[in-house]
């Protein structure tokens, strides 16, 4: 019996998809943006090293935005 491995999703891939969907579909005050706003309003919540790490991660996200915009544009045209 030949198993088609290209149609099987691993548990790790499934977990990542679920985590991404949870991240995107946040409708309450637990979204990333709301958490960042809370941290900014209470800047004592994070240490300097944590702010620096956060800024580095945000820079990485900023680099992805043009790619995300392109995907959105292409999907709208489709």
Protein backbone atom coordinates (compact mmCIF):
# COMPACT_ATOMS: atom_id res chain seq x y z
CA UNK A 1 0.00 0.00 0.00
CA UNK A 2 1.41 3.39 -1.04
CA UNK A 3 0.79 6.24 1.32
CA UNK A 4 0.34 9.76 -0.08
CA UNK A 5 2.39 11.84 2.32
CA UNK A 6 1.80 15.09 0.45
CA UNK A 7 -1.85 15.08 1.53
CA UNK A 8 -1.18 14.48 5.21
CA UNK A 9 -0.79 17.44 7.53
CA UNK A 10 1.39 16.99 10.56
CA UNK A 11 0.24 17.86 14.06
CA UNK A 12 2.81 20.65 14.18
CA UNK A 13 1.45 22.15 10.94
CA UNK A 14 -2.10 21.87 12.26
CA UNK A 15 -1.10 23.53 15.53
CA UNK A 16 0.58 26.35 13.61
CA UNK A 17 -2.49 26.89 11.44
CA UNK A 18 -4.77 26.97 14.47
CA UNK A 19 -2.47 29.36 16.29
CA UNK A 20 -2.34 31.64 13.23
CA UNK A 21 -6.12 31.60 12.87
CA UNK A 22 -6.55 32.37 16.58
CA UNK A 23 -4.10 35.24 16.21
CA UNK A 24 -5.93 36.68 13.19
CA UNK A 25 -9.49 36.15 14.41
CA UNK A 26 -9.06 37.73 17.85
CA UNK A 27 -12.19 39.75 18.51
CA UNK A 28 -11.70 40.43 22.20
CA UNK A 29 -9.08 42.41 24.07
CA UNK A 30 -6.47 39.67 23.75
CA UNK A 31 -5.27 40.57 20.26
CA UNK A 32 -1.64 41.41 19.66
CA UNK A 33 -2.49 45.06 19.00
CA UNK A 34 -4.45 45.39 22.24
CA UNK A 35 -1.67 43.73 24.21
CA UNK A 36 0.86 46.14 22.69
CA UNK A 37 -1.35 49.11 23.55
CA UNK A 38 -1.60 47.92 27.15
CA UNK A 39 2.17 47.48 27.34
CA UNK A 40 2.74 50.97 25.93
CA UNK A 41 0.27 52.55 28.34
CA UNK A 42 2.02 50.79 31.22
CA UNK A 43 5.59 50.91 29.95
CA UNK A 44 6.80 49.43 33.23
CA UNK A 45 5.38 46.07 32.20
CA UNK A 46 8.38 45.43 29.97
CA UNK A 47 12.08 45.79 30.63
CA UNK A 48 14.36 47.57 28.14
CA UNK A 49 15.62 44.27 26.73
CA UNK A 50 12.03 43.15 26.17
CA UNK A 51 11.20 46.43 24.37
CA UNK A 52 14.28 45.95 22.16
CA UNK A 53 13.27 42.37 21.36
CA UNK A 54 9.72 43.48 20.61
CA UNK A 55 10.97 46.20 18.28
CA UNK A 56 13.18 43.71 16.44
CA UNK A 57 10.20 41.41 15.95
CA UNK A 58 8.05 44.29 14.72
CA UNK A 59 10.74 45.16 12.16
CA UNK A 60 10.53 41.60 10.86
CA UNK A 61 6.75 41.95 10.54
CA UNK A 62 7.19 45.27 8.73
CA UNK A 63 9.39 43.51 6.16
CA UNK A 64 6.58 41.01 5.51
CA UNK A 65 3.88 43.63 4.93
CA UNK A 66 4.62 44.18 1.20
CA UNK A 67 4.36 40.42 0.63
CA UNK A 68 1.08 40.27 2.55
CA UNK A 69 -0.23 43.22 0.55
CA UNK A 70 0.67 41.45 -2.69
CA UNK A 71 -1.12 38.28 -1.60
CA UNK A 72 -4.22 40.29 -0.66
CA UNK A 73 -4.16 42.09 -4.03
CA UNK A 74 -3.80 38.87 -6.00
CA UNK A 75 -6.54 37.13 -4.04
CA UNK A 76 -8.90 40.07 -4.60
CA UNK A 77 -8.20 39.94 -8.34
CA UNK A 78 -8.83 36.20 -8.48
